[in-house]
Amino acid sequence: MKRILRILVGTILVLIVLVSVFLLVALVVYPAEYVRRVLAWRASDYGDYMNNFPMRTM
């Protein structure tokens, strides 16, 4: 049981470190406002073209 718990905790820690490194690299490469906007909105516009645009036939 302790081995499974240790593996689970280790996996979670590795995932946290990977996400943190990814976000730090994104903050270095892109402006902070852009990164915050991407994290807040995520894929909010996904499928808009297929579902909503254009409203009239072309």
PDB file of N, CA and C in Angstrom:
ATOM      1  N   MET A   1       0.821  -1.191   0.000  1.00  0.00           N
ATOM      2  CA  MET A   1       0.000   0.000   0.000  1.00  0.00           C
ATOM      3  C   MET A   1       0.867   1.258   0.000  1.00  0.00           C
ATOM      4  N   LYS A   2       1.949   1.223   0.788  1.00  0.00           N
ATOM      5  CA  LYS A   2       2.836   2.383   0.831  1.00  0.00           C
ATOM      6  C   LYS A   2       3.512   2.618  -0.512  1.00  0.00           C
ATOM      7  N   ARG A   3       3.804   1.537  -1.211  1.00  0.00           N
ATOM      8  CA  ARG A   3       4.461   1.665  -2.527  1.00  0.00           C
ATOM      9  C   ARG A   3       3.533   2.355  -3.521  1.00  0.00           C
ATOM     10  N   ILE A   4       2.268   1.966  -3.527  1.00  0.00           N
ATOM     11  CA  ILE A   4       1.292   2.579  -4.432  1.00  0.00           C
ATOM     12  C   ILE A   4       1.118   4.053  -4.102  1.00  0.00           C
ATOM     13  N   LEU A   5       1.034   4.372  -2.813  1.00  0.00           N
ATOM     14  CA  LEU A   5       0.893   5.766  -2.384  1.00  0.00           C
ATOM     15  C   LEU A   5       2.116   6.582  -2.785  1.00  0.00           C
ATOM     16  N   ARG A   6       3.306   6.001  -2.639  1.00  0.00           N
ATOM     17  CA  ARG A   6       4.530   6.703  -3.015  1.00  0.00           C
ATOM     18  C   ARG A   6       4.569   6.959  -4.526  1.00  0.00           C
ATOM     19  N   ILE A   7       4.147   5.984  -5.317  1.00  0.00           N
ATOM     20  CA  ILE A   7       4.104   6.156  -6.775  1.00  0.00           C
ATOM     21  C   ILE A   7       3.088   7.223  -7.157  1.00  0.00           C
ATOM     22  N   LEU A   8       1.935   7.211  -6.513  1.00  0.00           N
ATOM     23  CA  LEU A   8       0.887   8.200  -6.799  1.00  0.00           C
ATOM     24  C   LEU A   8       1.355   9.612  -6.465  1.00  0.00           C
ATOM     25  N   VAL A   9       1.948   9.783  -5.295  1.00  0.00           N
ATOM     26  CA  VAL A   9       2.449  11.100  -4.893  1.00  0.00           C
ATOM     27  C   VAL A   9       3.568  11.550  -5.828  1.00  0.00           C
ATOM     28  N   GLY A  10       4.454  10.652  -6.189  1.00  0.00           N
ATOM     29  CA  GLY A  10       5.533  10.989  -7.112  1.00  0.00           C
ATOM     30  C   GLY A  10       5.007  11.412  -8.474  1.00  0.00           C
ATOM     31  N   THR A  11       4.007  10.712  -8.973  1.00  0.00           N
ATOM     32  CA  THR A  11       3.413  11.053 -10.267  1.00  0.00           C
ATOM     33  C   THR A  11       2.755  12.423 -10.219  1.00  0.00           C
ATOM     34  N   ILE A  12       2.043  12.699  -9.142  1.00  0.00           N
ATOM     35  CA  ILE A  12       1.390  14.011  -9.000  1.00  0.00           C
ATOM     36  C   ILE A  12       2.427  15.118  -8.920  1.00  0.00           C
ATOM     37  N   LEU A  13       3.506  14.897  -8.184  1.00  0.00           N
ATOM     38  CA  LEU A  13       4.559  15.906  -8.086  1.00  0.00           C
ATOM     39  C   LEU A  13       5.237  16.156  -9.435  1.00  0.00           C
ATOM     40  N   VAL A  14       5.478  15.092 -10.184  1.00  0.00           N
ATOM     41  CA  VAL A  14       6.081  15.250 -11.514  1.00  0.00           C
ATOM     42  C   VAL A  14       5.152  16.051 -12.420  1.00  0.00           C
ATOM     43  N   LEU A  15       3.862  15.781 -12.382  1.00  0.00           N
ATOM     44  CA  LEU A  15       2.908  16.538 -13.196  1.00  0.00           C
ATOM     45  C   LEU A  15       2.865  18.005 -12.799  1.00  0.00           C
ATOM     46  N   ILE A  16       2.910  18.280 -11.505  1.00  0.00           N
ATOM     47  CA  ILE A  16       2.916  19.667 -11.037  1.00  0.00           C
ATOM     48  C   ILE A  16       4.176  20.388 -11.518  1.00  0.00           C
ATOM     49  N   VAL A  17       5.306  19.721 -11.444  1.00  0.00           N
ATOM     50  CA  VAL A  17       6.560  20.325 -11.902  1.00  0.00           C
ATOM     51  C   VAL A  17       6.509  20.575 -13.408  1.00  0.00           C
ATOM     52  N   LEU A  18       6.010  19.628 -14.178  1.00  0.00           N
ATOM     53  CA  LEU A  18       5.933  19.809 -15.637  1.00  0.00           C
ATOM     54  C   LEU A  18       5.025  20.970 -16.016  1.00  0.00           C
ATOM     55  N   VAL A  19       3.882  21.068 -15.373  1.00  0.00           N
ATOM     56  CA  VAL A  19       2.967  22.181 -15.661  1.00  0.00           C
ATOM     57  C   VAL A  19       3.607  23.499 -15.260  1.00  0.00           C
ATOM     58  N   SER A  20       4.284  23.528 -14.126  1.00  0.00           N
ATOM     59  CA  SER A  20       4.949  24.753 -13.678  1.00  0.00           C
ATOM     60  C   SER A  20       6.043  25.179 -14.658  1.00  0.00           C
ATOM     61  N   VAL A  21       6.834  24.237 -15.126  1.00  0.00           N
ATOM     62  CA  VAL A  21       7.882  24.557 -16.099  1.00  0.00           C
ATOM     63  C   VAL A  21       7.260  25.071 -17.391  1.00  0.00           C
ATOM     64  N   PHE A  22       6.189  24.434 -17.836  1.00  0.00           N
ATOM     65  CA  PHE A  22       5.507  24.873 -19.056  1.00  0.00           C
ATOM     66  C   PHE A  22       5.010  26.307 -18.907  1.00  0.00           C
ATOM     67  N   LEU A  23       4.389  26.626 -17.767  1.00  0.00           N
ATOM     68  CA  LEU A  23       3.878  27.983 -17.551  1.00  0.00           C
ATOM     69  C   LEU A  23       5.012  29.003 -17.443  1.00  0.00           C
ATOM     70  N   LEU A  24       6.099  28.631 -16.805  1.00  0.00           N
ATOM     71  CA  LEU A  24       7.231  29.552 -16.714  1.00  0.00           C
ATOM     72  C   LEU A  24       7.842  29.834 -18.089  1.00  0.00           C
ATOM     73  N   VAL A  25       7.958  28.799 -18.900  1.00  0.00           N
ATOM     74  CA  VAL A  25       8.473  28.995 -20.260  1.00  0.00           C
ATOM     75  C   VAL A  25       7.516  29.876 -21.061  1.00  0.00           C
ATOM     76  N   ALA A  26       6.228  29.646 -20.910  1.00  0.00           N
ATOM     77  CA  ALA A  26       5.245  30.472 -21.613  1.00  0.00           C
ATOM     78  C   ALA A  26       5.343  31.925 -21.173  1.00  0.00           C
ATOM     79  N   LEU A  27       5.551  32.164 -19.884  1.00  0.00           N
ATOM     80  CA  LEU A  27       5.680  33.542 -19.400  1.00  0.00           C
ATOM     81  C   LEU A  27       6.956  34.208 -19.896  1.00  0.00           C
ATOM     82  N   VAL A  28       8.001  33.422 -20.112  1.00  0.00           N
ATOM     83  CA  VAL A  28       9.249  33.989 -20.628  1.00  0.00           C
ATOM     84  C   VAL A  28       9.118  34.287 -22.120  1.00  0.00           C
ATOM     85  N   VAL A  29       8.480  33.390 -22.858  1.00  0.00           N
ATOM     86  CA  VAL A  29       8.398  33.528 -24.312  1.00  0.00           C
ATOM     87  C   VAL A  29       7.333  34.543 -24.729  1.00  0.00           C
ATOM     88  N   TYR A  30       6.174  34.529 -24.060  1.00  0.00           N
ATOM     89  CA  TYR A  30       5.060  35.393 -24.425  1.00  0.00           C
ATOM     90  C   TYR A  30       4.837  36.459 -23.362  1.00  0.00           C
ATOM     91  N   PRO A  31       4.180  37.558 -23.731  1.00  0.00           N
ATOM     92  CA  PRO A  31       3.846  38.570 -22.724  1.00  0.00           C
ATOM     93  C   PRO A  31       2.905  37.989 -21.664  1.00  0.00           C
ATOM     94  N   ALA A  32       3.029  38.472 -20.445  1.00  0.00           N
ATOM     95  CA  ALA A  32       2.240  37.939 -19.328  1.00  0.00           C
ATOM     96  C   ALA A  32       0.738  38.082 -19.577  1.00  0.00           C
ATOM     97  N   GLU A  33       0.323  39.192 -20.165  1.00  0.00           N
ATOM     98  CA  GLU A  33      -1.106  39.402 -20.435  1.00  0.00           C
ATOM     99  C   GLU A  33      -1.645  38.344 -21.383  1.00  0.00           C
ATOM    100  N   TYR A  34      -0.861  37.977 -22.386  1.00  0.00           N
ATOM    101  CA  TYR A  34      -1.273  36.960 -23.339  1.00  0.00           C
ATOM    102  C   TYR A  34      -1.448  35.605 -22.652  1.00  0.00           C
ATOM    103  N   VAL A  35      -0.499  35.242 -21.805  1.00  0.00           N
ATOM    104  CA  VAL A  35      -0.577  33.954 -21.097  1.00  0.00           C
ATOM    105  C   VAL A  35      -1.794  33.929 -20.182  1.00  0.00           C
ATOM    106  N   ARG A  36      -2.038  35.012 -19.446  1.00  0.00           N
ATOM    107  CA  ARG A  36      -3.208  35.067 -18.561  1.00  0.00           C
ATOM    108  C   ARG A  36      -4.504  34.951 -19.353  1.00  0.00           C
ATOM    109  N   ARG A  37      -4.571  35.617 -20.502  1.00  0.00           N
ATOM    110  CA  ARG A  37      -5.777  35.561 -21.325  1.00  0.00           C
ATOM    111  C   ARG A  37      -6.012  34.155 -21.863  1.00  0.00           C
ATOM    112  N   VAL A  38      -4.951  33.489 -22.298  1.00  0.00           N
ATOM    113  CA  VAL A  38      -5.082  32.119 -22.814  1.00  0.00           C
ATOM    114  C   VAL A  38      -5.547  31.179 -21.714  1.00  0.00           C
ATOM    115  N   LEU A  39      -4.986  31.323 -20.522  1.00  0.00           N
ATOM    116  CA  LEU A  39      -5.385  30.456 -19.411  1.00  0.00           C
ATOM    117  C   LEU A  39      -6.834  30.715 -18.995  1.00  0.00           C
ATOM    118  N   ALA A  40      -7.279  31.960 -19.068  1.00  0.00           N
ATOM    119  CA  ALA A  40      -8.644  32.289 -18.650  1.00  0.00           C
ATOM    120  C   ALA A  40      -9.673  31.834 -19.682  1.00  0.00           C
ATOM    121  N   TRP A  41      -9.393  32.068 -20.959  1.00  0.00           N
ATOM    122  CA  TRP A  41     -10.392  31.793 -21.997  1.00  0.00           C
ATOM    123  C   TRP A  41     -10.290  30.379 -22.547  1.00  0.00           C
ATOM    124  N   ARG A  42      -9.095  29.807 -22.536  1.00  0.00           N
ATOM    125  CA  ARG A  42      -8.852  28.459 -23.064  1.00  0.00           C
ATOM    126  C   ARG A  42      -9.439  28.289 -24.451  1.00  0.00           C
ATOM    127  N   ALA A  43     -10.299  27.316 -24.670  1.00  0.00           N
ATOM    128  CA  ALA A  43     -10.835  27.044 -26.004  1.00  0.00           C
ATOM    129  C   ALA A  43     -12.259  27.571 -26.124  1.00  0.00           C
ATOM    130  N   SER A  44     -12.501  28.778 -25.630  1.00  0.00           N
ATOM    131  CA  SER A  44     -13.861  29.300 -25.634  1.00  0.00           C
ATOM    132  C   SER A  44     -14.397  29.533 -27.046  1.00  0.00           C
ATOM    133  N   ASP A  45     -13.503  29.768 -27.998  1.00  0.00           N
ATOM    134  CA  ASP A  45     -13.967  30.001 -29.356  1.00  0.00           C
ATOM    135  C   ASP A  45     -13.900  28.742 -30.220  1.00  0.00           C
ATOM    136  N   TYR A  46     -13.631  27.613 -29.620  1.00  0.00           N
ATOM    137  CA  TYR A  46     -13.528  26.378 -30.374  1.00  0.00           C
ATOM    138  C   TYR A  46     -14.872  26.040 -31.021  1.00  0.00           C
ATOM    139  N   GLY A  47     -14.876  25.851 -32.314  1.00  0.00           N
ATOM    140  CA  GLY A  47     -16.088  25.470 -33.025  1.00  0.00           C
ATOM    141  C   GLY A  47     -16.982  26.629 -33.405  1.00  0.00           C
ATOM    142  N   ASP A  48     -16.589  27.870 -33.080  1.00  0.00           N
ATOM    143  CA  ASP A  48     -17.434  29.012 -33.434  1.00  0.00           C
ATOM    144  C   ASP A  48     -17.638  29.103 -34.938  1.00  0.00           C
ATOM    145  N   TYR A  49     -16.585  28.864 -35.687  1.00  0.00           N
ATOM    146  CA  TYR A  49     -16.714  28.979 -37.133  1.00  0.00           C
ATOM    147  C   TYR A  49     -17.711  27.956 -37.669  1.00  0.00           C
ATOM    148  N   MET A  50     -17.618  26.744 -37.183  1.00  0.00           N
ATOM    149  CA  MET A  50     -18.502  25.693 -37.694  1.00  0.00           C
ATOM    150  C   MET A  50     -19.937  25.884 -37.199  1.00  0.00           C
ATOM    151  N   ASN A  51     -20.100  26.361 -35.968  1.00  0.00           N
ATOM    152  CA  ASN A  51     -21.423  26.429 -35.375  1.00  0.00           C
ATOM    153  C   ASN A  51     -22.120  27.770 -35.560  1.00  0.00           C
ATOM    154  N   ASN A  52     -21.365  28.867 -35.585  1.00  0.00           N
ATOM    155  CA  ASN A  52     -21.989  30.188 -35.582  1.00  0.00           C
ATOM    156  C   ASN A  52     -21.654  31.059 -36.783  1.00  0.00           C
ATOM    157  N   PHE A  53     -20.492  30.896 -37.357  1.00  0.00           N
ATOM    158  CA  PHE A  53     -20.053  31.783 -38.421  1.00  0.00           C
ATOM    159  C   PHE A  53     -19.916  31.012 -39.718  1.00  0.00           C
ATOM    160  N   PRO A  54     -20.186  31.515 -40.846  1.00  0.00           N
ATOM    161  CA  PRO A  54     -20.936  32.740 -41.056  1.00  0.00           C
ATOM    162  C   PRO A  54     -22.432  32.497 -40.882  1.00  0.00           C
ATOM    163  N   MET A  55     -23.157  33.500 -40.522  1.00  0.00           N
ATOM    164  CA  MET A  55     -24.585  33.372 -40.298  1.00  0.00           C
ATOM    165  C   MET A  55     -25.330  33.296 -41.632  1.00  0.00           C
ATOM    166  N   ARG A  56     -24.735  33.746 -42.710  1.00  0.00           N
ATOM    167  CA  ARG A  56     -25.386  33.674 -44.013  1.00  0.00           C
ATOM    168  C   ARG A  56     -24.574  32.778 -44.931  1.00  0.00           C
ATOM    169  N   THR A  57     -25.207  32.278 -45.957  1.00  0.00           N
ATOM    170  CA  THR A  57     -24.479  31.411 -46.879  1.00  0.00           C
ATOM    171  C   THR A  57     -23.517  32.249 -47.718  1.00  0.00           C
ATOM    172  N   MET A  58     -22.441  31.624 -48.105  1.00  0.00           N
ATOM    173  CA  MET A  58     -21.439  32.356 -48.880  1.00  0.00           C
ATOM    174  C   MET A  58     -21.553  31.974 -50.334  1.00  0.00           C
TER     175      MET A  58
END
